[in-house]
Protein backbone atom coordinates (compact mmCIF):
# COMPACT_ATOMS: atom_id res chain seq x y z
CA MET A 1 -0.07 0.15 0.22
CA ALA A 2 1.32 3.34 -0.69
CA ILE A 3 1.87 6.08 1.75
CA ASP A 4 0.03 9.52 0.50
CA ILE A 5 0.12 12.59 2.91
CA THR A 6 0.00 14.82 0.01
CA SER A 7 -1.71 18.22 0.21
CA ALA A 8 -1.46 19.19 -3.51
CA ASN A 9 -4.37 17.54 -4.24
CA ALA A 10 -6.85 18.52 -1.84
CA SER A 11 -9.87 21.32 -2.80
CA VAL A 12 -11.69 23.80 -0.92
CA HIS A 13 -15.37 24.11 -2.37
CA ILE A 14 -17.06 27.85 -0.86
CA ILE A 15 -20.57 28.56 -1.14
CA VAL A 16 -22.04 31.52 -0.64
CA PRO A 17 -25.59 31.05 -1.15
CA ALA A 18 -26.57 34.83 -1.40
CA TYR A 19 -23.47 35.78 -3.58
CA TYR A 20 -21.89 33.06 -5.00
CA PRO A 21 -24.97 30.01 -5.44
CA ALA A 22 -23.25 27.99 -7.30
CA GLY A 23 -19.80 28.57 -5.36
CA PHE A 24 -16.35 28.99 -6.46
CA TYR A 25 -13.53 26.51 -5.63
CA ALA A 26 -9.97 28.04 -4.37
CA GLU A 27 -7.39 27.87 -6.40
CA ASP A 28 -3.79 28.96 -6.09
CA TYR A 29 -2.97 28.72 -2.50
CA ALA A 30 0.61 29.25 -0.55
CA ALA A 31 2.35 26.01 -1.04
CA ASP A 32 3.64 26.04 2.43
CA SER A 33 0.80 27.19 4.22
CA MET A 34 -2.09 26.22 2.38
CA PHE A 35 -5.21 26.23 4.92
CA GLU A 36 -5.60 25.13 8.38
CA THR A 37 -8.37 24.38 10.83
CA ALA A 38 -7.51 26.46 14.11
CA ALA A 39 -7.77 24.33 17.88
CA LEU A 40 -10.95 24.33 18.55
CA GLN A 41 -11.48 24.71 22.89
CA ASN A 42 -14.64 22.88 23.65
CA ALA A 43 -14.47 23.15 27.22
CA GLU A 44 -14.56 25.81 30.11
CA ASP A 45 -13.09 24.82 33.63
CA VAL A 46 -12.90 26.10 37.55
CA MET A 47 -10.95 25.10 40.69
CA SER A 48 -13.44 25.44 43.41
CA ALA A 49 -11.23 27.37 46.81
CA ASP A 50 -11.34 23.75 48.23
CA GLY A 51 -9.60 22.49 45.39
CA LYS A 52 -12.43 20.67 43.53
CA TYR A 53 -11.82 20.68 39.53
CA HIS A 54 -15.39 21.22 37.17
CA ALA A 55 -15.22 21.41 33.67
CA GLY A 56 -18.41 21.69 31.08
CA PHE A 57 -18.71 21.31 27.54
CA ILE A 58 -19.21 24.99 25.55
CA PHE A 59 -19.15 25.77 22.08
CA ASN A 60 -17.34 28.41 20.03
CA PRO A 61 -16.60 28.54 16.15
CA VAL A 62 -14.63 26.64 14.30
CA GLU A 63 -12.01 28.83 12.73
CA PHE A 64 -10.47 28.10 9.18
CA THR A 65 -7.64 30.32 7.45
CA LEU A 66 -7.23 29.70 4.10
CA ASN A 67 -3.57 31.28 2.37
CA LEU A 68 -3.89 32.57 -1.23
CA LEU A 69 -0.99 33.57 -3.36
CA ALA A 70 -1.20 37.24 -4.58
CA SER A 71 -2.45 35.99 -8.22
CA SER A 72 -5.10 33.60 -6.85
CA ALA A 73 -7.87 34.17 -8.69
CA THR A 74 -9.88 33.17 -5.57
CA GLY A 75 -8.74 35.93 -4.13
CA VAL A 76 -10.78 38.17 -6.55
CA HIS A 77 -13.92 36.21 -5.65
CA ILE A 78 -13.37 36.71 -2.06
CA ASP A 79 -13.07 41.03 -2.80
CA ASP A 80 -16.20 41.27 -4.68
CA TRP A 81 -17.30 39.09 -1.78
CA TYR A 82 -16.79 41.92 0.69
CA ALA A 83 -17.44 44.41 -1.23
CA ALA A 84 -20.75 43.41 -1.37
CA GLU A 85 -20.83 42.85 1.97
CA ARG A 86 -19.35 45.90 2.64
CA ALA A 87 -22.50 47.66 0.15
CA ALA A 88 -25.08 45.79 1.61
CA ILE A 89 -24.01 46.10 5.45
CA ALA A 90 -24.67 42.24 5.89
CA LYS A 91 -22.66 39.26 6.45
CA PHE A 92 -23.86 36.73 3.51
CA PRO A 93 -23.36 32.77 5.11
CA CYS A 94 -21.16 30.28 3.58
CA ASN A 95 -20.75 26.49 3.69
CA MET A 96 -17.26 25.08 2.59
CA VAL A 97 -16.82 21.89 1.77
CA ILE A 98 -12.90 20.26 1.78
CA ALA A 99 -11.55 17.16 -0.06
CA ILE A 100 -8.69 15.63 0.83
CA PRO A 101 -8.56 12.66 -1.19
CA ALA A 102 -4.67 11.34 0.58
CA ILE A 103 -6.57 10.67 3.38
CA LYS A 104 -9.70 9.38 1.72
CA ILE A 105 -11.79 11.95 4.43
CA LYS A 106 -13.80 15.17 3.56
CA TYR A 107 -15.15 17.93 5.86
CA ASN A 108 -17.82 19.94 5.87
CA PHE A 109 -17.60 23.37 7.12
CA VAL A 110 -21.74 24.75 8.30
CA ASN A 111 -23.01 28.10 8.57
CA GLY A 112 -20.04 30.46 8.72
CA ILE A 113 -19.03 33.39 7.47
CA LEU A 114 -15.78 35.63 5.95
CA TYR A 115 -14.93 36.53 9.36
CA THR A 116 -11.50 38.38 8.46
CA TRP A 117 -9.70 39.60 4.52
CA THR A 118 -6.85 41.01 4.03
CA PRO A 119 -7.44 43.02 0.92
CA THR A 120 -3.87 43.57 -0.42
CA PRO A 121 -1.39 41.07 -0.69
CA PRO A 122 1.45 42.34 2.02
CA ALA A 123 4.35 43.66 0.01
CA GLN A 124 7.85 41.95 0.20
CA ARG A 125 10.48 40.49 -1.90
CA ILE A 126 7.96 39.21 -3.78
CA LEU A 127 4.12 39.87 -3.20
CA GLN A 128 3.30 37.28 -0.18
CA ALA A 129 0.05 35.10 0.13
CA ARG A 130 -3.42 36.74 1.09
CA PRO A 131 -4.83 34.95 4.27
CA ALA A 132 -8.69 34.80 5.09
CA VAL A 133 -9.88 33.61 7.82
CA PHE A 134 -13.65 32.42 8.22
CA HIS A 135 -15.63 31.36 11.26
CA PHE A 136 -17.95 28.42 10.95
CA GLU A 137 -20.68 26.99 13.24
CA SER A 138 -19.67 23.52 13.28
CA VAL A 139 -17.10 21.23 10.96
CA THR A 140 -17.76 16.91 10.22
CA ARG A 141 -16.06 14.87 8.48
CA SER A 142 -16.49 11.79 6.33
CA PRO A 143 -15.44 9.76 3.82
CA MET A 144 -14.78 10.25 0.73
């Protein structure tokens, strides 16, 4: 059996029902940091004065970062999406599906928003990647 853990054939499909109802695929990721889901805090805890430990489950948004090269056409889609939200003074919910063939897993991100967007690429010796940060209500894993 071959060992395959490449990210190169992963895909990210973003659907914005109010603006891009058919969705679009992310293209031209940053090679050294394509995308990342932040660690999810799902607990609050406290120690009582007499040393007893208590904890409870809590809900928090799932944070997902997509890093796009300055030349990415996906950046243009997100620029337009951001401009439409700014004009409407409203947030447009989105959903996202990430498929990772190397591990035969698909992740469904549900009920999210574009949380932060870097309007211009950082200009260094060459133009750097622009991060798009999303917050989602949930993410679930399923086989491909």
